[in-house]
Protein backbone atom coordinates (compact mmCIF):
# COMPACT_ATOMS: atom_id res chain seq x y z
CA VAL A 1 -50.95 103.57 -100.61
CA ALA A 2 -47.25 104.35 -100.87
CA ALA A 3 -47.44 106.86 -98.01
CA ALA A 4 -49.38 104.39 -95.87
CA ASP A 5 -46.71 101.71 -96.45
CA ALA A 6 -43.82 104.09 -95.75
CA ALA A 7 -44.91 105.08 -92.26
CA PRO A 8 -44.68 101.55 -90.74
CA ARG A 9 -41.29 101.11 -92.41
CA ARG A 10 -40.01 104.34 -90.85
CA ARG A 11 -41.28 103.25 -87.45
CA ALA A 12 -39.51 99.90 -87.84
CA GLU A 13 -36.26 101.63 -88.77
CA LEU A 14 -36.51 103.83 -85.68
CA ASP A 15 -37.24 100.89 -83.36
CA PRO A 16 -34.19 100.69 -81.04
CA THR A 17 -34.43 96.92 -80.66
CA ARG A 18 -34.49 96.33 -84.39
CA ALA A 19 -31.75 98.89 -85.00
CA HIS A 20 -29.55 97.20 -82.40
CA ALA A 21 -30.18 93.77 -83.92
CA ALA A 22 -29.37 95.09 -87.40
CA GLY A 23 -26.13 96.59 -86.09
CA ILE A 24 -25.11 93.31 -84.45
CA ALA A 25 -25.86 91.43 -87.66
CA TYR A 26 -23.79 93.91 -89.67
CA LEU A 27 -20.83 93.53 -87.32
CA ALA A 28 -21.07 89.73 -87.44
CA ALA A 29 -21.09 89.78 -91.23
CA THR A 30 -18.34 92.39 -91.66
CA GLU A 31 -15.86 91.78 -88.85
CA ARG A 32 -14.71 88.53 -90.37
CA ALA A 33 -11.24 88.55 -88.81
CA ILE A 34 -11.12 88.65 -85.01
CA ALA A 35 -7.75 88.87 -83.27
CA ASN A 36 -6.92 88.21 -79.61
CA THR A 37 -3.29 89.08 -78.87
CA PRO A 38 -1.26 90.74 -76.10
CA ASP A 39 -1.58 93.99 -78.08
CA PRO A 40 -5.12 95.41 -77.73
CA ARG A 41 -4.37 98.14 -80.28
CA LEU A 42 -3.58 95.51 -82.89
CA ASP A 43 -6.83 93.71 -82.04
CA ALA A 44 -8.78 96.95 -82.51
CA ALA A 45 -7.01 97.72 -85.80
CA VAL A 46 -7.82 94.24 -87.12
CA ALA A 47 -11.49 94.84 -86.32
CA ALA A 48 -11.33 98.19 -88.12
CA VAL A 49 -9.60 96.89 -91.24
CA ASN A 50 -12.51 94.52 -91.90
CA HIS A 51 -14.75 97.53 -92.45
CA ALA A 52 -12.27 99.31 -94.70
CA VAL A 53 -11.81 96.26 -96.94
CA ASP A 54 -15.58 95.84 -97.08
CA ALA A 55 -16.08 99.51 -98.00
CA SER A 56 -13.45 99.44 -100.75
CA CYS A 57 -15.50 97.07 -102.91
CA GLU A 58 -18.49 97.89 -105.12
CA ARG A 59 -21.47 95.54 -105.26
CA GLU A 60 -23.31 94.12 -108.26
CA PRO A 61 -20.79 93.56 -109.68
CA TYR A 62 -17.92 93.30 -107.22
CA ILE A 63 -15.21 95.77 -108.25
CA PHE A 64 -12.43 96.99 -105.97
CA ARG A 65 -11.81 100.72 -105.88
CA HIS A 66 -8.59 102.69 -105.49
CA GLY A 67 -9.61 104.18 -102.14
CA CYS A 68 -12.54 104.51 -99.77
CA MET A 69 -12.65 108.33 -99.73
CA ALA A 70 -10.07 110.12 -101.87
CA PHE A 71 -9.37 108.26 -105.14
CA SER A 72 -12.63 106.35 -104.79
CA CYS A 73 -12.66 105.26 -108.42
CA ARG A 74 -12.51 102.09 -110.50
CA PHE A 75 -8.75 101.73 -110.60
CA VAL A 76 -7.42 98.31 -109.72
CA GLY A 77 -4.15 99.80 -108.51
CA TRP A 78 -2.39 99.05 -106.48
CA ARG A 79 -2.62 96.38 -103.78
CA VAL A 80 -6.41 96.59 -103.53
CA ILE A 81 -7.44 92.92 -103.75
CA CYS A 82 -5.20 90.97 -101.37
CA GLY A 83 -6.99 92.09 -98.20
CA ALA A 84 -10.23 90.54 -99.42
CA THR A 85 -8.39 87.26 -99.98
CA ALA A 86 -6.92 87.43 -96.48
CA LEU A 87 -10.36 88.05 -94.96
CA GLY A 88 -12.08 85.31 -96.96
CA TRP A 89 -14.15 87.45 -99.34
CA HIS A 90 -13.39 85.06 -102.21
CA GLU A 91 -16.62 85.79 -104.10
CA ARG A 92 -15.51 89.42 -104.35
CA VAL A 93 -12.09 88.47 -105.70
CA LEU A 94 -13.84 86.36 -108.33
CA GLY A 95 -16.27 89.14 -109.24
CA ASN A 96 -13.43 91.65 -109.56
CA ALA A 97 -11.53 89.19 -111.78
CA ILE A 98 -14.56 88.68 -114.04
CA TYR A 99 -14.86 92.43 -114.55
CA THR A 100 -11.13 93.19 -114.93
CA ILE A 101 -10.17 90.26 -117.15
CA GLY A 102 -13.12 91.24 -119.30
CA LEU A 103 -11.14 94.39 -120.17
CA GLN A 104 -8.15 92.43 -121.52
CA LYS A 105 -7.37 92.70 -125.23
CA VAL A 106 -7.26 89.25 -126.80
CA SER A 107 -5.59 90.42 -130.02
CA ASP A 108 -4.26 93.58 -131.62
CA PRO A 109 -2.40 93.20 -134.95
CA VAL A 110 -1.60 96.94 -135.09
CA ARG A 111 0.09 97.66 -131.74
CA THR A 112 3.16 95.42 -131.96
CA GLY A 113 6.15 97.63 -131.09
CA PRO A 114 7.26 100.44 -128.79
CA SER A 115 6.15 103.98 -129.51
CA ALA A 116 6.84 106.95 -127.25
CA SER A 117 4.15 109.53 -126.60
CA VAL A 118 4.91 112.94 -128.09
CA GLU A 119 2.15 114.50 -125.99
CA ARG A 120 3.87 113.24 -122.82
CA LEU A 121 7.33 114.41 -123.95
CA LEU A 122 8.52 110.89 -124.84
CA VAL A 123 8.48 109.70 -121.22
CA HIS A 124 5.39 107.47 -121.62
CA GLU A 125 4.34 104.93 -124.20
CA GLY A 126 1.98 106.27 -126.86
CA ARG A 127 -1.47 104.89 -127.58
CA ASP A 128 -0.16 103.04 -130.63
CA SER A 129 2.46 101.20 -128.54
CA ARG A 130 2.65 97.45 -127.81
CA PHE A 131 1.95 98.51 -124.23
CA TYR A 132 -1.69 98.98 -125.27
CA GLY A 133 -1.75 95.89 -127.50
CA ALA A 134 -2.74 92.25 -127.01
CA GLY A 135 -2.83 91.17 -123.37
CA SER A 136 -3.23 94.68 -121.95
CA LEU A 137 -6.06 95.83 -119.73
CA ASP A 138 -7.07 98.74 -121.88
CA ARG A 139 -9.67 100.62 -119.88
CA ASP A 140 -9.97 102.33 -116.48
CA PHE A 141 -6.17 102.29 -116.11
CA PRO A 142 -4.59 104.98 -118.32
CA MET A 143 -0.79 105.17 -118.43
CA TYR A 144 -0.01 102.67 -115.66
CA ASP A 145 0.91 99.00 -115.61
CA VAL A 146 -1.56 98.01 -112.92
CA GLN A 147 -2.10 94.57 -114.37
CA SER A 148 1.13 93.12 -112.95
CA GLN A 149 -0.18 93.65 -109.42
CA PHE A 150 -3.73 92.70 -110.45
CA PHE A 151 -2.59 89.28 -111.66
CA ASP A 152 -0.20 88.86 -108.72
CA GLN A 153 -3.09 89.32 -106.27
CA THR A 154 -5.64 87.38 -108.31
CA ILE A 155 -3.25 84.43 -108.46
CA ALA A 156 -3.09 84.53 -104.66
CA GLY A 157 -6.89 84.64 -104.59
CA TRP A 158 -7.03 81.53 -106.77
CA ARG A 159 -4.59 79.69 -104.51
CA ALA A 160 -6.59 80.69 -101.43
CA SER A 161 -9.93 79.53 -102.84
CA GLY A 162 -9.21 76.91 -105.51
CA ASP A 163 -12.25 78.36 -107.30
CA PRO A 164 -12.76 76.49 -110.61
CA GLU A 165 -14.39 79.50 -112.29
CA LEU A 166 -11.43 81.71 -111.34
CA GLU A 167 -9.10 79.01 -112.67
CA ARG A 168 -10.99 78.94 -115.96
CA LEU A 169 -10.65 82.71 -116.27
CA LEU A 170 -7.02 82.88 -115.21
CA ARG A 171 -5.41 80.42 -117.57
CA PRO A 172 -5.99 82.17 -120.92
CA ALA A 173 -5.64 85.60 -119.33
CA LEU A 174 -2.27 84.71 -117.80
CA GLU A 175 -0.98 83.38 -121.12
CA LEU A 176 -1.80 86.75 -122.71
CA HIS A 177 -0.35 88.62 -119.75
CA VAL A 178 3.04 86.86 -119.65
CA ALA A 179 3.45 87.35 -123.41
CA TRP A 180 2.64 91.05 -122.91
CA LEU A 181 5.18 91.27 -120.08
CA ARG A 182 7.95 89.66 -122.11
CA GLU A 183 7.42 91.69 -125.28
CA CYS A 184 7.03 95.01 -123.45
CA PHE A 185 9.57 94.68 -120.65
CA ASP A 186 12.13 92.01 -121.60
CA PRO A 187 12.88 92.72 -125.27
CA ASP A 188 16.48 91.49 -124.95
CA ASP A 189 15.20 88.18 -123.49
CA ASP A 190 17.75 88.05 -120.66
CA GLY A 191 15.17 87.20 -117.98
CA LEU A 192 15.23 90.61 -116.28
CA TYR A 193 12.12 92.73 -116.81
CA GLU A 194 11.91 96.52 -116.80
CA SER A 195 9.59 98.11 -114.23
CA TYR A 196 7.31 100.65 -115.86
CA ILE A 197 5.06 102.56 -113.38
CA ASN A 198 3.93 99.21 -111.98
CA THR A 199 3.79 99.95 -108.23
CA LEU A 200 2.18 102.64 -106.08
CA PRO A 201 5.22 104.96 -105.71
CA THR A 202 6.53 104.89 -109.30
CA ASP A 203 4.96 107.97 -110.85
CA SER A 204 8.37 109.68 -110.78
CA VAL A 205 10.60 106.58 -111.05
CA TRP A 206 12.03 105.25 -114.31
CA TYR A 207 14.75 102.71 -115.05
CA ASP A 208 15.49 103.80 -118.62
CA GLY A 209 14.77 100.36 -120.03
CA GLY A 210 16.91 98.49 -117.48
CA GLY A 211 15.88 95.24 -115.81
CA SER A 212 14.73 95.41 -112.18
CA ALA A 213 13.54 93.32 -109.27
CA GLU A 214 9.91 94.48 -109.21
CA ALA A 215 8.77 93.47 -112.70
CA SER A 216 10.96 90.33 -112.60
CA ALA A 217 9.31 89.20 -109.35
CA TYR A 218 5.83 89.77 -110.78
CA ALA A 219 6.77 87.89 -113.96
CA PHE A 220 8.14 84.98 -111.90
CA THR A 221 4.89 84.67 -109.94
CA ALA A 222 2.84 84.85 -113.14
CA HIS A 223 4.87 82.15 -114.92
CA ARG A 224 4.81 79.88 -111.88
CA ALA A 225 1.02 80.14 -111.73
CA ALA A 226 0.76 79.62 -115.50
CA ARG A 227 2.89 76.49 -115.06
CA ASP A 228 0.60 75.14 -112.35
CA LEU A 229 -2.52 75.93 -114.37
CA ALA A 230 -1.04 74.17 -117.41
CA ARG A 231 -0.20 71.10 -115.33
CA ARG A 232 -3.76 70.96 -114.03
CA ALA A 233 -5.03 71.18 -117.60
CA GLY A 234 -2.71 68.37 -118.72
CA ASP A 235 -0.74 70.68 -121.02
CA ASP A 236 2.80 69.38 -120.40
CA ALA A 237 4.38 71.47 -123.15
CA ALA A 238 3.03 74.75 -121.74
CA ALA A 239 4.01 73.72 -118.22
CA ALA A 240 7.58 73.02 -119.35
CA ARG A 241 7.74 76.36 -121.15
CA HIS A 242 6.68 78.29 -118.06
CA GLU A 243 8.99 76.26 -115.84
CA ALA A 244 11.91 77.19 -118.11
CA GLN A 245 10.99 80.87 -117.90
CA CYS A 246 10.85 80.69 -114.10
CA ALA A 247 14.36 79.22 -114.11
CA LYS A 248 15.56 81.94 -116.48
CA ILE A 249 14.20 84.70 -114.24
CA GLN A 250 15.78 83.15 -111.15
CA ARG A 251 19.12 82.83 -112.93
CA ALA A 252 19.00 86.40 -114.21
CA MET A 253 18.13 87.82 -110.81
CA ARG A 254 21.11 86.10 -109.19
CA THR A 255 23.71 86.52 -111.91
CA LEU A 256 22.77 89.97 -113.23
CA LEU A 257 21.16 91.85 -110.33
CA TRP A 258 22.39 90.38 -107.02
CA LEU A 259 25.16 92.38 -105.31
CA PRO A 260 27.13 89.83 -103.23
CA GLU A 261 29.37 92.45 -101.63
CA ARG A 262 26.28 94.26 -100.29
CA GLY A 263 23.89 91.35 -99.82
CA HIS A 264 20.84 92.52 -101.79
CA PHE A 265 19.42 92.94 -105.28
CA GLY A 266 20.37 96.14 -107.04
CA LEU A 267 17.84 98.72 -108.10
CA TYR A 268 18.21 98.00 -111.82
CA ARG A 269 20.72 96.93 -114.46
CA GLU A 270 21.29 99.36 -117.29
CA GLN A 271 19.98 98.21 -120.64
CA LEU A 272 23.00 99.46 -122.63
CA PRO A 273 26.71 98.74 -122.12
CA PRO A 274 28.45 98.73 -119.71
CA HIS A 275 25.26 97.36 -118.04
CA ARG A 276 26.02 98.88 -114.67
CA VAL A 277 23.91 97.73 -111.72
CA HIS A 278 22.61 100.65 -109.67
CA ALA A 279 23.19 99.71 -106.04
CA ASP A 280 20.98 102.30 -104.28
CA ALA A 281 17.98 99.98 -104.02
CA TRP A 282 14.66 100.76 -102.37
CA THR A 283 12.42 98.55 -100.26
CA TYR A 284 10.59 97.17 -103.32
CA SER A 285 13.90 95.63 -104.42
CA VAL A 286 13.85 93.73 -101.13
CA PHE A 287 10.33 92.68 -100.24
CA LEU A 288 9.02 91.73 -103.70
CA PRO A 289 11.68 89.05 -104.44
CA ILE A 290 11.14 87.64 -100.93
CA ASP A 291 7.37 87.56 -101.44
CA ALA A 292 7.75 85.87 -104.83
CA GLY A 293 9.98 83.12 -103.38
CA LEU A 294 13.04 84.20 -105.36
CA CYS A 295 15.32 84.38 -102.29
CA SER A 296 16.89 81.71 -100.14
CA PRO A 297 16.49 82.32 -96.38
CA GLU A 298 20.08 83.58 -96.19
CA GLU A 299 19.55 85.95 -99.13
CA ALA A 300 16.32 87.23 -97.56
CA LEU A 301 18.13 87.85 -94.27
CA GLN A 302 20.88 89.85 -95.97
CA ALA A 303 18.45 91.86 -98.08
CA LEU A 304 16.31 92.77 -95.07
CA TYR A 305 19.44 93.80 -93.18
CA TYR A 306 20.17 96.22 -96.04
CA THR A 307 16.99 98.12 -95.13
CA GLU A 308 18.38 98.48 -91.59
CA TRP A 309 21.88 99.75 -92.36
CA ALA A 310 21.20 101.64 -95.59
CA LEU A 311 17.69 103.13 -95.24
CA GLU A 312 16.37 105.51 -92.64
CA ARG A 313 14.43 103.96 -89.77
CA ILE A 314 12.08 106.19 -87.78
CA PRO A 315 11.30 105.03 -84.22
CA LEU A 316 7.93 106.36 -83.12
CA PRO A 317 7.48 107.90 -79.67
CA PHE A 318 4.35 105.81 -79.08
CA GLY A 319 5.94 102.51 -80.14
CA GLY A 320 6.87 100.84 -83.37
CA THR A 321 9.09 101.81 -86.29
CA LEU A 322 8.71 103.08 -89.84
CA CYS A 323 11.17 102.70 -92.71
CA GLN A 324 11.83 105.16 -95.50
CA LEU A 325 11.15 103.80 -98.97
CA SER A 326 14.49 104.94 -100.43
CA ASN A 327 17.45 107.32 -100.10
CA TRP A 328 16.55 109.19 -103.28
CA VAL A 329 16.18 112.92 -103.70
CA PRO A 330 14.39 115.23 -104.13
CA TRP A 331 11.96 114.56 -101.33
CA LYS A 332 8.69 114.42 -103.27
CA TRP A 333 5.81 112.09 -103.92
CA SER A 334 6.90 108.71 -105.21
CA VAL A 335 10.61 109.44 -104.99
CA ARG A 336 10.79 109.48 -101.21
CA ASP A 337 7.67 109.02 -99.12
CA ILE A 338 6.29 106.63 -96.53
CA PHE A 339 3.07 104.75 -97.29
CA GLY A 340 1.57 102.30 -94.82
CA GLY A 341 1.15 99.66 -97.51
CA ASP A 342 4.87 99.71 -98.29
CA VAL A 343 5.84 99.44 -94.62
CA CYS A 344 3.39 96.54 -94.26
CA ALA A 345 4.97 94.84 -97.28
CA LEU A 346 8.39 95.13 -95.64
CA ALA A 347 6.96 93.78 -92.37
CA LEU A 348 5.46 90.87 -94.34
CA ALA A 349 8.89 90.05 -95.77
CA TYR A 350 10.33 89.94 -92.24
CA PHE A 351 7.53 87.62 -91.12
CA GLN A 352 8.02 85.40 -94.18
CA THR A 353 11.72 85.11 -93.26
CA GLY A 354 10.87 84.14 -89.67
CA LEU A 355 11.90 87.44 -88.05
CA GLY A 356 8.85 88.05 -85.89
CA ASP A 357 10.26 90.72 -83.59
CA GLU A 358 11.58 92.83 -86.46
CA GLY A 359 8.42 92.39 -88.53
CA TYR A 360 6.20 93.32 -85.61
CA ALA A 361 8.15 96.52 -84.92
CA LEU A 362 7.15 97.70 -88.42
CA LEU A 363 3.56 96.44 -88.21
CA ARG A 364 3.20 98.13 -84.82
CA GLY A 365 4.57 101.33 -86.31
CA VAL A 366 1.94 101.29 -89.07
CA THR A 367 -0.80 100.48 -86.56
CA HIS A 368 0.10 103.35 -84.27
CA GLU A 369 1.01 105.94 -86.89
CA SER A 370 -2.20 105.52 -88.88
CA ALA A 371 -4.96 103.91 -86.84
CA PHE A 372 -4.18 105.72 -83.57
CA ALA A 373 -2.10 108.85 -84.23
CA SER A 374 -3.64 110.18 -87.45
CA ALA A 375 -6.66 112.41 -87.93
CA VAL A 376 -9.15 109.52 -88.17
CA PRO A 377 -9.06 106.90 -85.38
CA GLY A 378 -9.08 103.39 -86.81
CA GLY A 379 -8.21 104.67 -90.28
CA PHE A 380 -5.53 103.37 -92.65
CA SER A 381 -4.57 106.67 -94.08
CA HIS A 382 -1.93 108.86 -95.68
CA ILE A 383 -1.76 112.62 -95.83
CA GLY A 384 -1.84 112.52 -99.63
CA ALA A 385 -4.44 109.77 -100.02
CA ALA A 386 -6.95 110.46 -97.23
CA THR A 387 -8.69 107.88 -95.04
CA ASP A 388 -8.68 104.15 -95.79
CA PHE A 389 -6.61 104.28 -98.96
CA GLY A 390 -6.91 100.90 -100.66
CA ASP A 391 -3.20 100.06 -100.81
CA ASN A 392 -2.80 100.68 -97.07
CA VAL A 393 -5.99 98.86 -96.12
CA HIS A 394 -5.44 95.64 -98.05
CA MET A 395 -1.76 95.27 -97.24
CA TYR A 396 -2.48 95.67 -93.53
CA ALA A 397 -5.01 92.83 -93.63
CA ARG A 398 -2.68 90.61 -95.64
CA THR A 399 0.30 91.27 -93.38
CA VAL A 400 -1.62 90.29 -90.25
CA VAL A 401 -3.16 87.14 -91.73
CA GLU A 402 -0.35 85.84 -93.94
CA GLY A 403 2.61 87.39 -92.12
CA LEU A 404 2.04 87.56 -88.37
CA PHE A 405 -0.25 84.50 -88.24
CA GLY A 406 1.42 82.79 -91.21
CA TYR A 407 -1.62 81.38 -93.04
CA VAL A 408 -0.55 80.49 -96.62
CA PRO A 409 -3.16 78.39 -98.49
CA ASP A 410 -2.70 76.64 -101.83
CA TYR A 411 -6.00 74.85 -102.33
CA PRO A 412 -5.45 73.95 -106.01
CA THR A 413 -2.77 71.55 -104.74
CA GLY A 414 -4.68 70.72 -101.55
CA ASN A 415 -2.05 72.23 -99.25
CA VAL A 416 -2.07 74.79 -96.44
CA LEU A 417 1.03 76.16 -94.73
CA PHE A 418 1.08 77.72 -91.27
CA ARG A 419 4.28 79.64 -90.48
CA PRO A 420 3.40 82.06 -87.65
CA ALA A 421 6.00 84.65 -86.71
CA PHE A 422 4.86 86.05 -83.39
CA PRO A 423 7.03 88.39 -81.36
CA SER A 424 9.25 86.37 -79.01
CA ALA A 425 7.69 87.96 -75.90
CA TRP A 426 4.13 86.87 -76.76
CA THR A 427 2.71 84.01 -74.71
CA HIS A 428 -0.60 83.80 -76.54
CA ALA A 429 -2.26 84.85 -79.79
CA ALA A 430 -5.37 83.90 -81.76
CA LEU A 431 -6.97 84.84 -85.05
CA THR A 432 -10.24 83.68 -86.57
CA THR A 433 -11.32 84.30 -90.17
CA PRO A 434 -13.93 82.59 -92.37
CA ASP A 435 -11.14 80.33 -93.69
CA PHE A 436 -9.26 79.30 -90.55
CA THR A 437 -8.59 79.72 -86.85
CA LEU A 438 -5.12 79.64 -85.31
CA GLU A 439 -4.58 79.77 -81.55
CA TYR A 440 -1.22 79.88 -79.75
CA GLU A 441 -0.53 79.48 -76.03
CA GLN A 442 2.72 79.19 -74.11
CA ALA A 443 2.59 77.89 -70.53
CA ASN A 444 4.32 75.48 -68.16
CA GLY A 445 7.19 74.64 -70.47
CA SER A 446 4.95 73.84 -73.44
CA GLU A 447 3.88 75.65 -76.59
CA ARG A 448 0.43 74.77 -77.89
CA TYR A 449 -0.98 75.49 -81.35
CA ARG A 450 -4.57 74.77 -82.31
CA PHE A 451 -5.78 75.22 -85.87
CA ARG A 452 -9.06 74.83 -87.71
CA LEU A 453 -9.71 74.93 -91.44
CA THR A 454 -13.04 75.53 -93.12
CA ARG A 455 -11.95 73.08 -95.83
CA ALA A 456 -9.72 70.05 -95.39
CA ALA A 457 -6.14 70.20 -96.67
CA ARG A 458 -2.72 68.67 -96.14
CA VAL A 459 -1.20 70.91 -93.47
CA THR A 460 2.45 71.83 -92.96
CA LEU A 461 3.31 73.73 -89.80
CA ARG A 462 6.63 75.59 -89.51
CA LEU A 463 6.75 76.63 -85.86
CA PRO A 464 9.48 78.70 -84.19
CA VAL A 465 10.78 77.34 -80.88
CA ARG A 466 13.11 79.10 -78.45
CA ALA A 467 14.10 76.53 -75.85
CA ALA A 468 17.13 74.74 -74.42
CA ARG A 469 15.74 71.34 -75.40
CA ILE A 470 12.61 69.79 -76.93
CA ARG A 471 11.24 66.88 -74.90
CA GLY A 472 8.61 65.79 -77.39
CA ILE A 473 5.91 66.84 -79.82
CA THR A 474 2.38 65.48 -80.01
CA THR A 475 -0.63 66.12 -82.19
CA ASP A 476 -4.03 65.49 -80.65
CA SER A 477 -2.22 63.68 -77.77
CA ARG A 478 -0.41 61.31 -80.15
CA THR A 479 3.32 61.32 -80.89
CA VAL A 480 3.99 62.77 -84.31
CA ALA A 481 6.97 62.75 -86.64
CA TRP A 482 8.79 66.09 -86.86
CA ARG A 483 12.07 67.59 -87.92
CA ALA A 484 14.10 70.57 -86.82
CA GLU A 485 15.54 73.15 -89.17
CA PRO A 486 17.77 76.13 -88.37
CA GLY A 487 16.04 79.50 -88.10
CA PHE A 488 17.17 83.00 -87.27
CA GLY A 489 17.18 83.35 -83.48
CA HIS A 490 15.23 80.12 -83.01
CA VAL A 491 14.74 76.55 -84.21
CA VAL A 492 12.00 75.83 -86.74
CA ILE A 493 9.95 72.72 -86.01
CA VAL A 494 8.31 71.25 -89.11
CA VAL A 495 5.24 69.01 -88.72
CA GLU A 496 3.33 67.61 -91.69
CA LEU A 497 -0.21 66.34 -91.29
CA PRO A 498 -2.44 64.53 -93.79
CA GLY A 499 -5.70 66.01 -95.00
CA ASN A 500 -7.83 67.24 -92.14
CA THR A 501 -9.74 70.27 -90.90
CA GLY A 502 -8.04 70.84 -87.56
CA GLY A 503 -5.72 69.69 -84.85
CA GLU A 504 -3.59 70.56 -81.86
CA ILE A 505 0.21 70.54 -81.74
CA VAL A 506 1.91 70.52 -78.34
CA ILE A 507 5.66 71.14 -78.13
CA ALA A 508 7.04 70.15 -74.72
CA THR A 509 10.32 71.88 -73.88
CA ASP A 510 12.92 71.46 -71.16
CA GLY A 511 14.71 74.48 -69.80
CA PRO A 512 14.25 78.19 -70.18
CA GLN A 513 12.91 79.85 -73.28
CA LEU A 514 15.89 81.40 -75.05
CA ALA A 515 15.60 84.69 -76.87
CA LEU A 516 18.63 84.55 -79.16
CA ALA A 517 19.27 88.19 -79.96
CA PRO A 518 21.75 89.16 -82.69
CA ILE A 519 25.28 89.86 -81.49
CA SER A 520 27.04 92.99 -82.73
CA LEU A 521 30.85 93.17 -82.64
CA ALA A 522 33.23 95.91 -83.76
CA GLY A 523 36.91 95.56 -84.62
CA ARG A 524 39.68 96.27 -87.08
CA VAL A 525 39.86 94.58 -90.47
CA GLY A 526 42.10 91.52 -90.15
CA ALA A 527 41.74 91.24 -86.39
CA VAL A 528 40.66 88.00 -84.70
CA VAL A 529 36.97 87.96 -83.80
CA HIS A 530 35.87 86.24 -80.58
CA LEU A 531 32.17 85.42 -80.65
CA PRO A 532 30.66 84.69 -77.19
CA LEU A 533 28.02 81.94 -77.19
CA PRO A 534 26.94 81.46 -73.55
CA GLY A 535 25.26 78.12 -73.08
CA SER A 536 25.69 77.19 -76.74
CA ALA A 537 28.23 75.86 -79.20
CA ALA A 538 28.76 76.82 -82.83
CA ALA A 539 27.93 73.85 -85.06
CA ARG A 540 28.59 75.67 -88.34
CA TRP A 541 29.87 79.06 -89.49
CA ARG A 542 28.82 80.93 -92.59
CA ASP A 543 30.21 84.30 -93.63
CA LEU A 544 27.47 86.01 -95.65
């Protein structure tokens, strides 16, 4: 009977019509993000990244893996969740959280203090250390602190979905996590946290107990989410406690780690006197504080500029740019290497700051270097991590959705922010995902944005405008209140709309579109500087 049943099944599988229909259905289900931009290579890469994010996740239960080919193992490091959030696979983010939070130790009365590993020559924490105590994720992740990035991404997943089950899981887990962070990495309670192999390229990086930007940024995001969860639970005391810790971290970052003469956060501050701040920062010292919201726009601008004058930029012959992670030596894995996920994270920071041209140069570099110029077409790869490495895959998806197209949801508060940062030369762009659609068109002296949300929310749009004058702004053909804020190379128009699922914003301009490029001047110290501003006047001057 079994053989008789198998033959018709085989014939059905070989039927070209059915096979074609199955393929179309697979593409419709998997290619969740569809881009239409002036760059056809970007559009093709966006189609490809859907498949890589899909392939990086196990089923029944949903568990994200370290990579699709090499390192295809249950290791929730590093940025291997955020792409699923960007592409609307919220049920997978929830399933991964159920599995991973299930590994968290709720209590451990034995492991309460530091203890170096003799087997690892005192350069790692031993198994009897607080590092493996209450609050830790104590399985599948030997040696590393992967949980800082796990919670960072899962928090973003909660904000994107507003899932009540994820909220129920997150609150107690975050309370354990932030206590673990403080006791392991901020023992002097100054608000700066030590980074301990907590990002992809830190296998050979150590700060000798000193406070740094990476762990402090992750702690800030965790406490801010814990504050919001406490408020939603009506726990005012817990909310106030987390709010105070957020303020402490912000204060410590600015007073202890910021280098005003250089315009960026230092690499780390030594734990022991004289508490020197090491100035030779890497890109993580820049993009993580920006992503966490720890920088003002002016601070973000200065910090990003540091990566231009202090770190090596590599222009690619086929278009786009890459940026070296650091200036450190020797040239070896984790000390000095270029990973697509790290370049995407830097591009995301540019987009978040409103620097679309600069951000797109990096995103274009990643697109070309990996998806078009590497061994596997359409792959998000690295020579040491093979094809479709999870950190590269997920950060690419996030950078396109949240950076280039500027979709930033916060459904627990009922808010959605759109802050697109398209290259100044683009006259159209569109992206559709299961969560939203955003379309942009520039023609006949007007800029038109159309958006659609799967779920209603209060919408704030922060839209860059390069024009001599704005004649008026309408939404769905009605005049709407708006305000203008200064941006970098453009004006930012802010429009706030009450709860809805879609709308159209039309910005009517008068005069030519102005591309306000940065002006570079050279001169002697003490000499008078003459700054040409053709067609414009300086309203205010700030020396950063």
